[in-house]
Amino acid sequence: RLYAPDLPHLAQARFAVPLSAGGEGGAMLDQVIAWLTGDARHYSVALHGWTLTFDQLVILATPSGPNGISSLIQSLGRRLAARLQIGRVFAGRFRSTLVEPGAWVLPSLVWLETIPVRQGLAADAELWRWSSAPAHMGAAPAGALQDHMDYWRCGNTPFDRQANYRALVLEGLPGAKMAQIEQALYGQWALGGLAFVQGLAGISSRRPVAGKRGRPRKQPADRGRGADPHDSGASPI
């Protein structure tokens, strides 16, 4: 997993079988949120935002160690498997990306909290109670939410922060920005500018960006060898 200390991670886990949207659906989502917040405390994961829908869970969080989010997702999977009496809860492994503070935390938060709107589950983000959007907009208590500093910079008072953040959500993200978030999450590469990515080189658990495609360029000596059709590359006898 791509991990770096003291940085927010955007993580997405899709359910192999969507949770029921009727009757028991709301109660099940309530239970998953209760497990999420409790396990986040247990594994020392600071939750900055989350959205739970019938087909996926997306969180923005800062783990205290390299295995924090993995342990959190695994625990949720075990609990759901026992509750639903099924073997496979998630559709493959969860995806995650490192998020650059000061540039991509708020866009990532807007992106994840507006998932229910894009899915047609709610007319407004703050109306979907299985997410952190109501708390960020003043419609619900903060509860287990540990707001990132970027959210605090939205205003000097809770009312200012809620109003300014609501304006960001209503404005929405440009298509290019949404695509950049989704591409980083899908590829599990760092989400940020060049300086941010370069700064991860010595502290991240693996390479933070994709390598260049294609074969390495041949060196001059290699090109010379390739020009000789009689040279098979084998040692002379």
Protein backbone atom coordinates (compact mmCIF):
# COMPACT_ATOMS: atom_id res chain seq x y z
CA ARG A 1 0.00 0.00 0.00
CA LEU A 2 1.07 3.57 -0.67
CA TYR A 3 1.58 5.09 2.76
CA ALA A 4 3.36 8.13 4.15
CA PRO A 5 3.21 9.37 7.76
CA ASP A 6 1.03 12.29 8.83
CA LEU A 7 -0.70 12.61 5.45
CA PRO A 8 -4.38 12.15 4.60
CA HIS A 9 -5.37 9.09 2.58
CA LEU A 10 -8.43 8.83 0.34
CA ALA A 11 -9.65 5.21 0.36
CA GLN A 12 -12.50 3.45 -1.43
CA ALA A 13 -13.90 -0.03 -0.79
CA ARG A 14 -16.69 -1.35 -3.01
CA PHE A 15 -19.11 -4.02 -1.80
CA ALA A 16 -19.24 -7.28 -3.71
CA VAL A 17 -22.99 -7.40 -3.13
CA PRO A 18 -24.72 -4.02 -2.59
CA LEU A 19 -26.32 -3.53 0.79
CA SER A 20 -30.11 -3.60 0.69
CA ALA A 21 -31.68 -0.25 -0.16
CA GLY A 22 -35.02 -1.09 1.41
CA GLY A 23 -36.30 -1.83 4.88
CA GLU A 24 -33.16 -3.11 6.58
CA GLY A 25 -30.94 -0.94 4.39
CA GLY A 26 -31.01 2.12 6.60
CA ALA A 27 -30.40 0.11 9.74
CA MET A 28 -27.49 -1.68 8.09
CA LEU A 29 -25.90 1.60 7.03
CA ASP A 30 -26.33 2.89 10.59
CA GLN A 31 -24.53 -0.20 11.88
CA VAL A 32 -21.66 0.12 9.40
CA ILE A 33 -21.14 3.77 10.40
CA ALA A 34 -21.09 2.75 14.07
CA TRP A 35 -18.49 0.08 13.29
CA LEU A 36 -16.49 2.53 11.18
CA THR A 37 -16.23 5.18 13.87
CA GLY A 38 -15.52 2.66 16.62
CA ASP A 39 -12.85 0.83 14.64
CA ALA A 40 -11.27 4.11 13.56
CA ARG A 41 -10.70 4.95 17.22
CA HIS A 42 -9.40 1.45 17.90
CA TYR A 43 -6.87 1.55 15.06
CA SER A 44 -5.95 5.22 15.61
CA VAL A 45 -7.27 6.45 12.29
CA ALA A 46 -8.38 10.10 12.24
CA LEU A 47 -11.53 10.33 10.12
CA HIS A 48 -11.76 13.63 8.22
CA GLY A 49 -14.71 12.60 6.08
CA TRP A 50 -16.67 9.59 4.87
CA THR A 51 -19.53 8.54 2.66
CA LEU A 52 -21.31 5.21 2.86
CA THR A 53 -23.76 4.21 0.14
CA PHE A 54 -25.30 0.88 -0.74
CA ASP A 55 -22.41 -0.06 -3.02
CA GLN A 56 -19.31 1.53 -1.49
CA LEU A 57 -17.52 3.12 1.43
CA VAL A 58 -15.17 6.05 0.85
CA ILE A 59 -13.15 7.72 3.60
CA LEU A 60 -10.65 10.55 3.89
CA ALA A 61 -8.46 9.83 6.90
CA THR A 62 -5.01 10.10 8.40
CA PRO A 63 -3.79 6.81 9.89
CA SER A 64 -1.22 6.75 12.69
CA GLY A 65 0.69 3.90 11.05
CA PRO A 66 1.08 2.06 7.72
CA ASN A 67 -1.54 -0.59 8.56
CA GLY A 68 -4.20 1.65 10.09
CA ILE A 69 -6.58 1.90 7.13
CA SER A 70 -5.99 -1.70 6.05
CA SER A 71 -6.85 -2.90 9.57
CA LEU A 72 -9.93 -0.68 9.62
CA ILE A 73 -11.26 -1.99 6.29
CA GLN A 74 -10.47 -5.60 7.22
CA SER A 75 -12.31 -5.25 10.51
CA LEU A 76 -15.37 -3.84 8.75
CA GLY A 77 -15.23 -6.74 6.30
CA ARG A 78 -15.17 -9.31 9.09
CA ARG A 79 -18.06 -7.65 10.90
CA LEU A 80 -20.16 -7.40 7.76
CA ALA A 81 -19.40 -10.99 6.74
CA ALA A 82 -20.59 -12.22 10.13
CA ARG A 83 -23.69 -10.02 10.08
CA LEU A 84 -24.70 -10.84 6.50
CA GLN A 85 -23.48 -14.44 6.68
CA ILE A 86 -21.58 -14.16 3.43
CA GLY A 87 -17.99 -15.00 2.59
CA ARG A 88 -16.93 -12.12 0.40
CA VAL A 89 -17.87 -8.58 1.43
CA PHE A 90 -15.69 -6.37 -0.76
CA ALA A 91 -15.20 -6.53 -4.51
CA GLY A 92 -11.45 -6.96 -4.48
CA ARG A 93 -8.97 -4.96 -2.44
CA PHE A 94 -9.72 -1.40 -1.46
CA ARG A 95 -8.07 1.46 -3.36
CA SER A 96 -6.29 4.40 -1.78
CA THR A 97 -4.25 7.47 -2.62
CA LEU A 98 -2.20 10.00 -0.68
CA VAL A 99 -3.68 13.50 -0.74
CA GLU A 100 -1.70 16.74 -0.77
CA PRO A 101 -2.76 19.06 2.09
CA GLY A 102 -3.49 22.63 1.08
CA ALA A 103 -4.41 21.63 -2.46
CA TRP A 104 -6.43 18.42 -2.65
CA VAL A 105 -7.94 17.75 0.78
CA LEU A 106 -11.02 19.95 0.27
CA PRO A 107 -11.59 18.80 -3.34
CA SER A 108 -11.33 15.17 -2.16
CA LEU A 109 -13.79 15.89 0.63
CA VAL A 110 -16.25 17.52 -1.77
CA TRP A 111 -15.82 14.63 -4.19
CA LEU A 112 -16.57 11.93 -1.62
CA GLU A 113 -19.42 13.77 0.12
CA THR A 114 -21.23 14.39 -3.17
CA ILE A 115 -21.20 10.72 -4.22
CA PRO A 116 -24.83 10.25 -3.03
CA VAL A 117 -25.89 13.21 -5.18
CA ARG A 118 -24.13 11.81 -8.24
CA GLN A 119 -25.76 8.44 -7.60
CA GLY A 120 -29.20 10.02 -7.34
CA LEU A 121 -29.64 9.00 -3.69
CA ALA A 122 -30.06 12.54 -2.36
CA ALA A 123 -30.90 15.95 -3.79
CA ASP A 124 -28.27 17.63 -1.59
CA ALA A 125 -25.15 16.21 0.05
CA GLU A 126 -26.19 17.29 3.54
CA LEU A 127 -29.43 15.28 3.23
CA TRP A 128 -27.52 11.98 3.06
CA ARG A 129 -27.10 11.12 6.72
CA TRP A 130 -24.60 8.29 6.17
CA SER A 131 -21.79 10.69 5.40
CA SER A 132 -19.83 13.46 7.08
CA ALA A 133 -21.50 16.12 4.89
CA PRO A 134 -24.28 16.96 7.40
CA ALA A 135 -21.66 17.61 10.10
CA HIS A 136 -19.51 19.72 7.80
CA MET A 137 -22.54 21.83 6.90
CA GLY A 138 -23.92 22.22 10.42
CA ALA A 139 -26.88 19.87 9.98
CA ALA A 140 -25.59 17.20 12.40
CA PRO A 141 -23.16 16.86 15.33
CA ALA A 142 -19.50 16.25 14.50
CA GLY A 143 -19.42 13.00 16.46
CA ALA A 144 -16.29 11.01 15.61
CA LEU A 145 -15.26 13.45 12.90
CA GLN A 146 -11.73 14.85 13.24
CA ASP A 147 -11.65 17.71 10.78
CA HIS A 148 -8.52 18.27 8.75
CA MET A 149 -6.77 21.62 9.07
CA ASP A 150 -7.79 22.50 5.51
CA TYR A 151 -11.44 22.40 6.58
CA TRP A 152 -10.67 24.61 9.58
CA ARG A 153 -9.18 27.16 7.23
CA CYS A 154 -12.61 27.58 5.61
CA GLY A 155 -13.52 30.11 8.32
CA ASN A 156 -12.77 31.53 11.75
CA THR A 157 -15.96 30.24 13.38
CA PRO A 158 -17.96 27.02 13.01
CA PHE A 159 -20.71 28.96 11.23
CA ASP A 160 -18.23 30.48 8.76
CA ARG A 161 -16.63 27.12 8.07
CA GLN A 162 -19.98 25.43 7.51
CA ALA A 163 -21.27 28.21 5.25
CA ASN A 164 -18.09 28.42 3.18
CA TYR A 165 -17.81 24.68 2.84
CA ARG A 166 -21.46 24.44 1.80
CA ALA A 167 -20.71 26.99 -0.93
CA LEU A 168 -17.86 24.78 -2.17
CA VAL A 169 -20.14 21.75 -2.30
CA LEU A 170 -22.89 23.65 -4.13
CA GLU A 171 -20.36 24.99 -6.60
CA GLY A 172 -19.11 21.49 -7.28
CA LEU A 173 -15.85 20.34 -8.81
CA PRO A 174 -14.78 20.89 -12.41
CA GLY A 175 -14.87 17.73 -14.47
CA ALA A 176 -11.09 17.75 -14.90
CA LYS A 177 -10.56 17.87 -11.15
CA MET A 178 -13.00 15.02 -10.54
CA ALA A 179 -11.23 12.98 -13.18
CA GLN A 180 -7.85 13.63 -11.56
CA ILE A 181 -9.12 12.43 -8.18
CA GLU A 182 -10.66 9.30 -9.68
CA GLN A 183 -7.55 8.51 -11.74
CA ALA A 184 -5.28 8.86 -8.70
CA LEU A 185 -7.59 6.66 -6.65
CA TYR A 186 -7.96 4.05 -9.38
CA GLY A 187 -4.22 3.89 -10.00
CA GLN A 188 -3.40 4.22 -6.29
CA TRP A 189 -0.88 6.98 -6.93
CA ALA A 190 -0.32 10.22 -5.03
CA LEU A 191 -2.77 13.06 -5.61
CA GLY A 192 -0.83 16.31 -5.67
CA GLY A 193 1.62 18.59 -7.42
CA LEU A 194 5.17 17.92 -8.49
CA ALA A 195 6.77 19.23 -5.28
CA PHE A 196 4.44 17.10 -3.15
CA VAL A 197 5.20 13.97 -5.16
CA GLN A 198 8.94 14.61 -5.08
CA GLY A 199 8.76 15.08 -1.31
CA LEU A 200 7.26 11.60 -0.95
CA ALA A 201 10.27 9.93 -2.50
CA GLY A 202 12.05 9.35 0.80
CA ILE A 203 9.10 8.75 3.10
CA SER A 204 6.43 6.82 1.18
CA SER A 205 6.13 3.04 1.34
CA ARG A 206 6.54 2.69 -2.43
CA ARG A 207 6.90 4.78 -5.58
CA PRO A 208 4.20 7.50 -5.43
CA VAL A 209 3.66 7.89 -9.19
CA ALA A 210 3.42 5.55 -12.14
CA GLY A 211 6.58 4.88 -14.11
CA LYS A 212 6.92 5.84 -17.75
CA ARG A 213 5.47 3.34 -20.17
CA GLY A 214 7.52 1.51 -22.78
CA ARG A 215 10.95 -0.02 -22.84
CA PRO A 216 13.99 1.93 -21.69
CA ARG A 217 15.88 3.70 -24.44
CA LYS A 218 18.76 1.73 -25.85
CA GLN A 219 22.25 2.96 -25.11
CA PRO A 220 24.49 3.82 -28.09
CA ALA A 221 26.34 0.49 -27.75
CA ASP A 222 23.00 -1.37 -27.75
CA ARG A 223 21.87 0.44 -30.89
CA GLY A 224 25.11 -0.57 -32.59
CA ARG A 225 24.59 -4.19 -31.65
CA GLY A 226 21.02 -4.13 -32.91
CA ALA A 227 22.18 -2.85 -36.30
CA ASP A 228 24.11 -6.07 -37.05
CA PRO A 229 21.65 -8.68 -38.36
CA HIS A 230 24.22 -11.45 -37.87
CA ASP A 231 24.66 -10.66 -34.19
CA SER A 232 22.33 -12.91 -32.20
CA GLY A 233 23.65 -11.67 -28.90
CA ALA A 234 25.13 -15.10 -28.12
CA SER A 235 28.70 -15.55 -26.99
CA PRO A 236 31.18 -16.56 -29.74
CA ILE A 237 32.16 -20.23 -29.82
